[in-house]
C-alpha atoms as a PDB file:
ATOM      1  CA  MET A   1       0.000   0.000   0.000  1.00  0.00           C
ATOM      2  CA  ALA A   2       1.329   3.421  -0.914  1.00  0.00           C
ATOM      3  CA  ARG A   3       1.456   6.215   1.634  1.00  0.00           C
ATOM      4  CA  ILE A   4       0.739   9.803   0.579  1.00  0.00           C
ATOM      5  CA  THR A   5       2.066  12.554   2.846  1.00  0.00           C
ATOM      6  CA  ALA A   6       2.645  16.291   2.589  1.00  0.00           C
ATOM      7  CA  ALA A   7       6.289  17.110   1.912  1.00  0.00           C
ATOM      8  CA  CYS A   8       5.616  20.858   2.117  1.00  0.00           C
ATOM      9  CA  ASP A   9       2.833  23.261   1.183  1.00  0.00           C
ATOM     10  CA  ARG A  10       3.313  22.546  -2.519  1.00  0.00           C
ATOM     11  CA  ALA A  11       4.503  18.925  -2.713  1.00  0.00           C
ATOM     12  CA  LEU A  12       3.154  15.468  -1.906  1.00  0.00           C
ATOM     13  CA  LEU A  13       5.360  12.441  -1.329  1.00  0.00           C
ATOM     14  CA  VAL A  14       4.043   9.056  -2.457  1.00  0.00           C
ATOM     15  CA  THR A  15       6.025   6.323  -0.675  1.00  0.00           C
ATOM     16  CA  PHE A  16       5.798   2.670  -1.701  1.00  0.00           C
ATOM     17  CA  ALA A  17       8.479   1.194   0.587  1.00  0.00           C
ATOM     18  CA  GLU A  18      11.139   2.236   3.091  1.00  0.00           C
ATOM     19  CA  THR A  19      13.944   0.375   1.307  1.00  0.00           C
ATOM     20  CA  MET A  20      15.113  -0.269  -2.255  1.00  0.00           C
ATOM     21  CA  GLU A  21      12.776  -3.003  -3.514  1.00  0.00           C
ATOM     22  CA  ALA A  22      12.049  -4.220  -7.038  1.00  0.00           C
ATOM     23  CA  ARG A  23       8.278  -4.097  -6.543  1.00  0.00           C
ATOM     24  CA  ALA A  24       8.433  -0.539  -5.194  1.00  0.00           C
ATOM     25  CA  ALA A  25      10.548   0.511  -8.176  1.00  0.00           C
ATOM     26  CA  ARG A  26       7.926  -0.909 -10.552  1.00  0.00           C
ATOM     27  CA  ALA A  27       5.180   0.946  -8.692  1.00  0.00           C
ATOM     28  CA  VAL A  28       7.186   4.192  -8.895  1.00  0.00           C
ATOM     29  CA  ARG A  29       7.549   3.805 -12.663  1.00  0.00           C
ATOM     30  CA  GLY A  30       3.871   2.963 -13.023  1.00  0.00           C
ATOM     31  CA  LEU A  31       2.696   6.072 -11.183  1.00  0.00           C
ATOM     32  CA  ALA A  32       5.217   8.345 -12.903  1.00  0.00           C
ATOM     33  CA  ALA A  33       4.195   6.999 -16.319  1.00  0.00           C
ATOM     34  CA  SER A  34       0.506   7.494 -15.513  1.00  0.00           C
ATOM     35  CA  LEU A  35       1.015  11.097 -14.397  1.00  0.00           C
ATOM     36  CA  ALA A  36       3.153  11.869 -17.443  1.00  0.00           C
ATOM     37  CA  ARG A  37       0.737  10.229 -19.862  1.00  0.00           C
ATOM     38  CA  ALA A  38      -2.378  11.958 -18.497  1.00  0.00           C
ATOM     39  CA  PRO A  39      -1.260  14.957 -16.384  1.00  0.00           C
ATOM     40  CA  ILE A  40      -3.393  16.230 -13.534  1.00  0.00           C
ATOM     41  CA  ALA A  41      -3.995  19.967 -13.850  1.00  0.00           C
ATOM     42  CA  GLY A  42      -1.934  21.824 -11.264  1.00  0.00           C
ATOM     43  CA  ILE A  43       1.007  19.431 -11.101  1.00  0.00           C
ATOM     44  CA  VAL A  44       4.288  21.250 -11.725  1.00  0.00           C
ATOM     45  CA  ASP A  45       6.745  18.351 -11.782  1.00  0.00           C
ATOM     46  CA  ILE A  46       7.218  14.659 -10.963  1.00  0.00           C
ATOM     47  CA  HIS A  47      10.368  13.430  -9.222  1.00  0.00           C
ATOM     48  CA  PRO A  48      10.668   9.599  -9.065  1.00  0.00           C
ATOM     49  CA  ALA A  49      13.205   7.985  -6.726  1.00  0.00           C
ATOM     50  CA  TYR A  50      13.970   4.402  -5.639  1.00  0.00           C
ATOM     51  CA  ALA A  51      10.756   3.796  -3.706  1.00  0.00           C
ATOM     52  CA  SER A  52       8.852   7.086  -3.815  1.00  0.00           C
ATOM     53  CA  VAL A  53       7.569   9.831  -6.088  1.00  0.00           C
ATOM     54  CA  LEU A  54       7.644  13.504  -5.114  1.00  0.00           C
ATOM     55  CA  VAL A  55       4.833  15.416  -6.823  1.00  0.00           C
ATOM     56  CA  THR A  56       5.155  19.204  -6.783  1.00  0.00           C
ATOM     57  CA  PHE A  57       2.085  21.296  -7.544  1.00  0.00           C
ATOM     58  CA  ASP A  58       0.714  24.828  -7.735  1.00  0.00           C
ATOM     59  CA  PRO A  59      -1.596  25.314  -4.714  1.00  0.00           C
ATOM     60  CA  LEU A  60      -3.396  28.112  -6.567  1.00  0.00           C
ATOM     61  CA  ARG A  61      -4.498  25.616  -9.229  1.00  0.00           C
ATOM     62  CA  ILE A  62      -5.272  22.530  -7.158  1.00  0.00           C
ATOM     63  CA  GLU A  63      -5.881  21.917  -3.475  1.00  0.00           C
ATOM     64  CA  PRO A  64      -3.624  19.383  -1.750  1.00  0.00           C
ATOM     65  CA  ARG A  65      -6.551  17.225  -0.638  1.00  0.00           C
ATOM     66  CA  ARG A  66      -7.979  17.056  -4.133  1.00  0.00           C
ATOM     67  CA  LEU A  67      -4.585  16.167  -5.584  1.00  0.00           C
ATOM     68  CA  GLU A  68      -4.154  13.449  -2.965  1.00  0.00           C
ATOM     69  CA  ASP A  69      -7.520  11.987  -3.978  1.00  0.00           C
ATOM     70  CA  GLU A  70      -6.574  12.125  -7.672  1.00  0.00           C
ATOM     71  CA  ILE A  71      -3.264  10.357  -7.015  1.00  0.00           C
ATOM     72  CA  ALA A  72      -5.029   7.704  -4.935  1.00  0.00           C
ATOM     73  CA  LEU A  73      -7.301   6.991  -7.904  1.00  0.00           C
ATOM     74  CA  ARG A  74      -4.272   6.654 -10.171  1.00  0.00           C
ATOM     75  CA  LEU A  75      -2.664   4.228  -7.742  1.00  0.00           C
ATOM     76  CA  GLU A  76      -5.679   1.966  -8.009  1.00  0.00           C
ATOM     77  CA  SER A  77      -5.383   1.785 -11.791  1.00  0.00           C
ATOM     78  CA  SER A  78      -1.651   2.246 -12.505  1.00  0.00           C
ATOM     79  CA  PRO A  79       0.250  -0.881 -13.592  1.00  0.00           C
ATOM     80  CA  GLU A  80       3.483  -1.691 -11.785  1.00  0.00           C
ATOM     81  CA  GLY A  81       5.876  -0.416 -14.396  1.00  0.00           C
ATOM     82  CA  PRO A  82       5.811   0.858 -17.977  1.00  0.00           C
ATOM     83  CA  GLU A  83       3.733  -0.866 -20.633  1.00  0.00           C
ATOM     84  CA  THR A  84       6.691  -1.195 -23.026  1.00  0.00           C
ATOM     85  CA  PRO A  85       9.342  -3.890 -22.411  1.00  0.00           C
ATOM     86  CA  PRO A  86      12.596  -2.611 -20.898  1.00  0.00           C
ATOM     87  CA  ARG A  87      15.581  -1.818 -23.087  1.00  0.00           C
ATOM     88  CA  THR A  88      18.966  -3.360 -22.340  1.00  0.00           C
ATOM     89  CA  ILE A  89      21.860  -0.956 -22.860  1.00  0.00           C
ATOM     90  CA  VAL A  90      25.399  -2.318 -23.030  1.00  0.00           C
ATOM     91  CA  VAL A  91      28.046   0.000 -21.613  1.00  0.00           C
ATOM     92  CA  PRO A  92      31.687  -0.590 -22.669  1.00  0.00           C
ATOM     93  CA  VAL A  93      34.106   0.266 -19.848  1.00  0.00           C
ATOM     94  CA  ARG A  94      37.850   0.693 -19.613  1.00  0.00           C
ATOM     95  CA  TYR A  95      38.506  -0.593 -16.101  1.00  0.00           C
ATOM     96  CA  GLY A  96      41.345   0.461 -13.814  1.00  0.00           C
ATOM     97  CA  GLY A  97      44.381   2.640 -14.393  1.00  0.00           C
ATOM     98  CA  GLU A  98      43.914   6.395 -14.655  1.00  0.00           C
ATOM     99  CA  GLU A  99      40.315   5.909 -15.765  1.00  0.00           C
ATOM    100  CA  GLY A 100      39.433   3.656 -12.833  1.00  0.00           C
ATOM    101  CA  PRO A 101      41.479   5.101  -9.977  1.00  0.00           C
ATOM    102  CA  ASP A 102      39.518   3.357  -7.188  1.00  0.00           C
ATOM    103  CA  LEU A 103      39.548  -0.179  -8.567  1.00  0.00           C
ATOM    104  CA  GLU A 104      42.554  -1.223  -6.469  1.00  0.00           C
ATOM    105  CA  GLU A 105      41.045   0.300  -3.316  1.00  0.00           C
ATOM    106  CA  VAL A 106      37.727  -1.454  -3.878  1.00  0.00           C
ATOM    107  CA  ALA A 107      39.638  -4.718  -4.367  1.00  0.00           C
ATOM    108  CA  ARG A 108      41.389  -4.240  -1.036  1.00  0.00           C
ATOM    109  CA  ALA A 109      38.157  -3.299   0.739  1.00  0.00           C
ATOM    110  CA  THR A 110      36.362  -6.394  -0.564  1.00  0.00           C
ATOM    111  CA  ALA A 111      39.368  -8.747  -0.184  1.00  0.00           C
ATOM    112  CA  MET A 112      39.337  -9.560  -3.893  1.00  0.00           C
ATOM    113  CA  ALA A 113      41.717  -9.295  -6.803  1.00  0.00           C
ATOM    114  CA  PRO A 114      40.943  -6.357  -9.116  1.00  0.00           C
ATOM    115  CA  GLU A 115      40.087  -8.846 -11.860  1.00  0.00           C
ATOM    116  CA  GLU A 116      37.454 -10.431  -9.600  1.00  0.00           C
ATOM    117  CA  VAL A 117      35.905  -7.030  -8.876  1.00  0.00           C
ATOM    118  CA  VAL A 118      35.652  -6.370 -12.608  1.00  0.00           C
ATOM    119  CA  ARG A 119      34.191  -9.831 -13.267  1.00  0.00           C
ATOM    120  CA  LEU A 120      31.462  -9.420 -10.644  1.00  0.00           C
ATOM    121  CA  HIS A 121      30.698  -5.892 -11.826  1.00  0.00           C
ATOM    122  CA  MET A 122      30.207  -7.153 -15.390  1.00  0.00           C
ATOM    123  CA  GLU A 123      28.233 -10.280 -14.501  1.00  0.00           C
ATOM    124  CA  ALA A 124      25.349  -8.337 -12.938  1.00  0.00           C
ATOM    125  CA  THR A 125      22.355  -6.915 -14.782  1.00  0.00           C
ATOM    126  CA  TYR A 126      21.364  -3.519 -13.397  1.00  0.00           C
ATOM    127  CA  ASP A 127      18.031  -1.708 -13.388  1.00  0.00           C
ATOM    128  CA  VAL A 128      17.848   2.059 -13.875  1.00  0.00           C
ATOM    129  CA  ALA A 129      15.848   3.074 -10.797  1.00  0.00           C
ATOM    130  CA  PHE A 130      15.785   6.805 -11.498  1.00  0.00           C
ATOM    131  CA  LEU A 131      17.860   9.715 -12.815  1.00  0.00           C
ATOM    132  CA  GLY A 132      19.220  12.429 -10.560  1.00  0.00           C
ATOM    133  CA  PHE A 133      22.184  14.243  -8.962  1.00  0.00           C
ATOM    134  CA  THR A 134      23.243  15.653 -12.344  1.00  0.00           C
ATOM    135  CA  PRO A 135      21.249  15.520 -15.630  1.00  0.00           C
ATOM    136  CA  GLY A 136      21.135  11.932 -16.857  1.00  0.00           C
ATOM    137  CA  PHE A 137      22.934  10.316 -13.888  1.00  0.00           C
ATOM    138  CA  PRO A 138      21.473   6.779 -13.640  1.00  0.00           C
ATOM    139  CA  TYR A 139      21.057   5.294 -10.180  1.00  0.00           C
ATOM    140  CA  LEU A 140      21.509   1.573 -10.840  1.00  0.00           C
ATOM    141  CA  ALA A 141      20.105  -1.178  -8.631  1.00  0.00           C
ATOM    142  CA  GLY A 142      21.579  -4.657  -8.834  1.00  0.00           C
ATOM    143  CA  LEU A 143      25.170  -4.279  -7.630  1.00  0.00           C
ATOM    144  CA  PRO A 144      26.387  -7.641  -6.282  1.00  0.00           C
ATOM    145  CA  ALA A 145      26.389  -7.610  -2.467  1.00  0.00           C
ATOM    146  CA  ALA A 146      30.053  -8.636  -2.434  1.00  0.00           C
ATOM    147  CA  LEU A 147      30.953  -5.302  -4.084  1.00  0.00           C
ATOM    148  CA  ALA A 148      29.083  -3.065  -1.614  1.00  0.00           C
ATOM    149  CA  THR A 149      31.560  -0.404  -0.471  1.00  0.00           C
ATOM    150  CA  GLN A 150      31.367   2.886   1.367  1.00  0.00           C
ATOM    151  CA  ARG A 151      31.723   6.188  -0.403  1.00  0.00           C
ATOM    152  CA  ARG A 152      35.142   7.806  -0.411  1.00  0.00           C
ATOM    153  CA  ASP A 153      36.056   9.594   2.819  1.00  0.00           C
ATOM    154  CA  ARG A 154      37.016  12.666   0.799  1.00  0.00           C
ATOM    155  CA  PRO A 155      34.965  13.311  -2.354  1.00  0.00           C
ATOM    156  CA  ARG A 156      36.809  14.424  -5.451  1.00  0.00           C
ATOM    157  CA  ARG A 157      36.285  17.953  -6.711  1.00  0.00           C
ATOM    158  CA  ARG A 158      36.121  16.601 -10.256  1.00  0.00           C
ATOM    159  CA  VAL A 159      35.029  13.212 -11.530  1.00  0.00           C
ATOM    160  CA  GLU A 160      35.341  12.905 -15.297  1.00  0.00           C
ATOM    161  CA  ALA A 161      32.318  12.434 -17.543  1.00  0.00           C
ATOM    162  CA  GLY A 162      31.693   8.777 -18.288  1.00  0.00           C
ATOM    163  CA  SER A 163      33.153   7.565 -14.991  1.00  0.00           C
ATOM    164  CA  VAL A 164      31.604   4.243 -13.942  1.00  0.00           C
ATOM    165  CA  ALA A 165      31.339   4.096 -10.174  1.00  0.00           C
ATOM    166  CA  ILE A 166      29.860   2.285  -7.175  1.00  0.00           C
ATOM    167  CA  ALA A 167      28.875   3.347  -3.645  1.00  0.00           C
ATOM    168  CA  GLY A 168      27.008   1.422  -0.982  1.00  0.00           C
ATOM    169  CA  VAL A 169      24.757  -1.025  -2.823  1.00  0.00           C
ATOM    170  CA  GLN A 170      24.429   1.227  -5.876  1.00  0.00           C
ATOM    171  CA  ALA A 171      26.176   1.650  -9.195  1.00  0.00           C
ATOM    172  CA  GLY A 172      26.121   4.700 -11.427  1.00  0.00           C
ATOM    173  CA  ILE A 173      27.737   6.588 -14.285  1.00  0.00           C
ATOM    174  CA  TYR A 174      28.693  10.280 -14.218  1.00  0.00           C
ATOM    175  CA  PRO A 175      27.156  11.984 -17.305  1.00  0.00           C
ATOM    176  CA  ILE A 176      29.219  15.162 -16.961  1.00  0.00           C
ATOM    177  CA  ALA A 177      32.347  16.179 -15.100  1.00  0.00           C
ATOM    178  CA  SER A 178      31.319  17.038 -11.542  1.00  0.00           C
ATOM    179  CA  PRO A 179      32.318  16.618  -7.908  1.00  0.00           C
ATOM    180  CA  GLY A 180      31.626  13.147  -6.530  1.00  0.00           C
ATOM    181  CA  GLY A 181      32.420  10.711  -3.767  1.00  0.00           C
ATOM    182  CA  TRP A 182      31.665   7.364  -5.399  1.00  0.00           C
ATOM    183  CA  ASN A 183      34.382   4.779  -6.089  1.00  0.00           C
ATOM    184  CA  VAL A 184      35.384   5.009  -9.755  1.00  0.00           C
ATOM    185  CA  LEU A 185      36.105   1.627 -11.378  1.00  0.00           C
ATOM    186  CA  GLY A 186      36.477   2.761 -14.988  1.00  0.00           C
ATOM    187  CA  ARG A 187      35.199   4.996 -17.746  1.00  0.00           C
ATOM    188  CA  THR A 188      32.982   4.781 -20.806  1.00  0.00           C
ATOM    189  CA  ASP A 189      32.847   6.923 -23.944  1.00  0.00           C
ATOM    190  CA  LEU A 190      29.052   6.790 -24.151  1.00  0.00           C
ATOM    191  CA  THR A 191      27.344  10.186 -24.024  1.00  0.00           C
ATOM    192  CA  LEU A 192      24.728   9.987 -21.273  1.00  0.00           C
ATOM    193  CA  PHE A 193      23.373  13.533 -21.559  1.00  0.00           C
ATOM    194  CA  ASP A 194      23.113  15.628 -24.711  1.00  0.00           C
ATOM    195  CA  PRO A 195      20.752  18.667 -24.771  1.00  0.00           C
ATOM    196  CA  GLY A 196      20.723  18.503 -28.584  1.00  0.00           C
ATOM    197  CA  ARG A 197      19.536  14.903 -28.683  1.00  0.00           C
ATOM    198  CA  ASP A 198      16.004  13.534 -28.408  1.00  0.00           C
ATOM    199  CA  PRO A 199      15.717  12.149 -25.822  1.00  0.00           C
ATOM    200  CA  VAL A 200      18.422  14.161 -24.075  1.00  0.00           C
ATOM    201  CA  CYS A 201      19.238  11.331 -21.618  1.00  0.00           C
ATOM    202  CA  LEU A 202      20.611   7.992 -22.784  1.00  0.00           C
ATOM    203  CA  PHE A 203      18.927   6.110 -19.942  1.00  0.00           C
ATOM    204  CA  ALA A 204      15.354   6.078 -18.680  1.00  0.00           C
ATOM    205  CA  PRO A 205      13.906   4.536 -15.518  1.00  0.00           C
ATOM    206  CA  GLY A 206      13.179   0.867 -16.118  1.00  0.00           C
ATOM    207  CA  ASP A 207      16.056   0.340 -18.575  1.00  0.00           C
ATOM    208  CA  ARG A 208      18.484  -2.487 -17.905  1.00  0.00           C
ATOM    209  CA  VAL A 209      22.244  -2.045 -18.070  1.00  0.00           C
ATOM    210  CA  ARG A 210      25.115  -4.460 -18.676  1.00  0.00           C
ATOM    211  CA  PHE A 211      28.793  -3.535 -18.464  1.00  0.00           C
ATOM    212  CA  VAL A 212      31.459  -5.050 -20.721  1.00  0.00           C
ATOM    213  CA  ALA A 213      35.222  -4.576 -20.612  1.00  0.00           C
ATOM    214  CA  GLU A 214      36.874  -2.516 -23.315  1.00  0.00           C
ATOM    215  CA  ALA A 215      40.599  -2.443 -24.043  1.00  0.00           C
ATOM    216  CA  ALA A 216      42.505   0.589 -22.777  1.00  0.00           C
ATOM    217  CA  ARG A 217      43.283   3.231 -25.364  1.00  0.00           C
END
């Protein structure tokens, strides 16, 4: 059962679970797709996350109680996930070296050889839970438990675009150069965010991702 609560005077938070769960992620995608497909007048934006959707609205156009009722009706009819089958996107990665500066540290933290870290990272199939942090940054669920590692104690001021990284039980890819504290295992040449492209983001929630090793340049 979803829980709808007021996040502030112009936002409602729809929570499906308290932890990262596959069923909650499907419910998030289902509600977000429903609201995007047939918008409710007064909604300003929709912000999906792992297990919740933040709905911001204009209180001069719709009352919070009415919006809550409208969302509750959508929850009764929304499927758990998009109607179209998920895409699988293969991401080539150059692991280690200057492009994967944290691979050795992750290997030490997990008591593995670097090659084993890379093998486990590539064997998994990841689900794009949502996009955030920077435009097009995919939060990926599905990291093998053996690779779960803490964020860096001191974040970097600059992480290069295309950096493939892990933190906690998550994986991700930096679309643009930005500060960041995740552990960088390698880098890809794929363009994740391009304002001149349609769609501008390479990934969408619900996509599946596989990583493959690419020879160093």
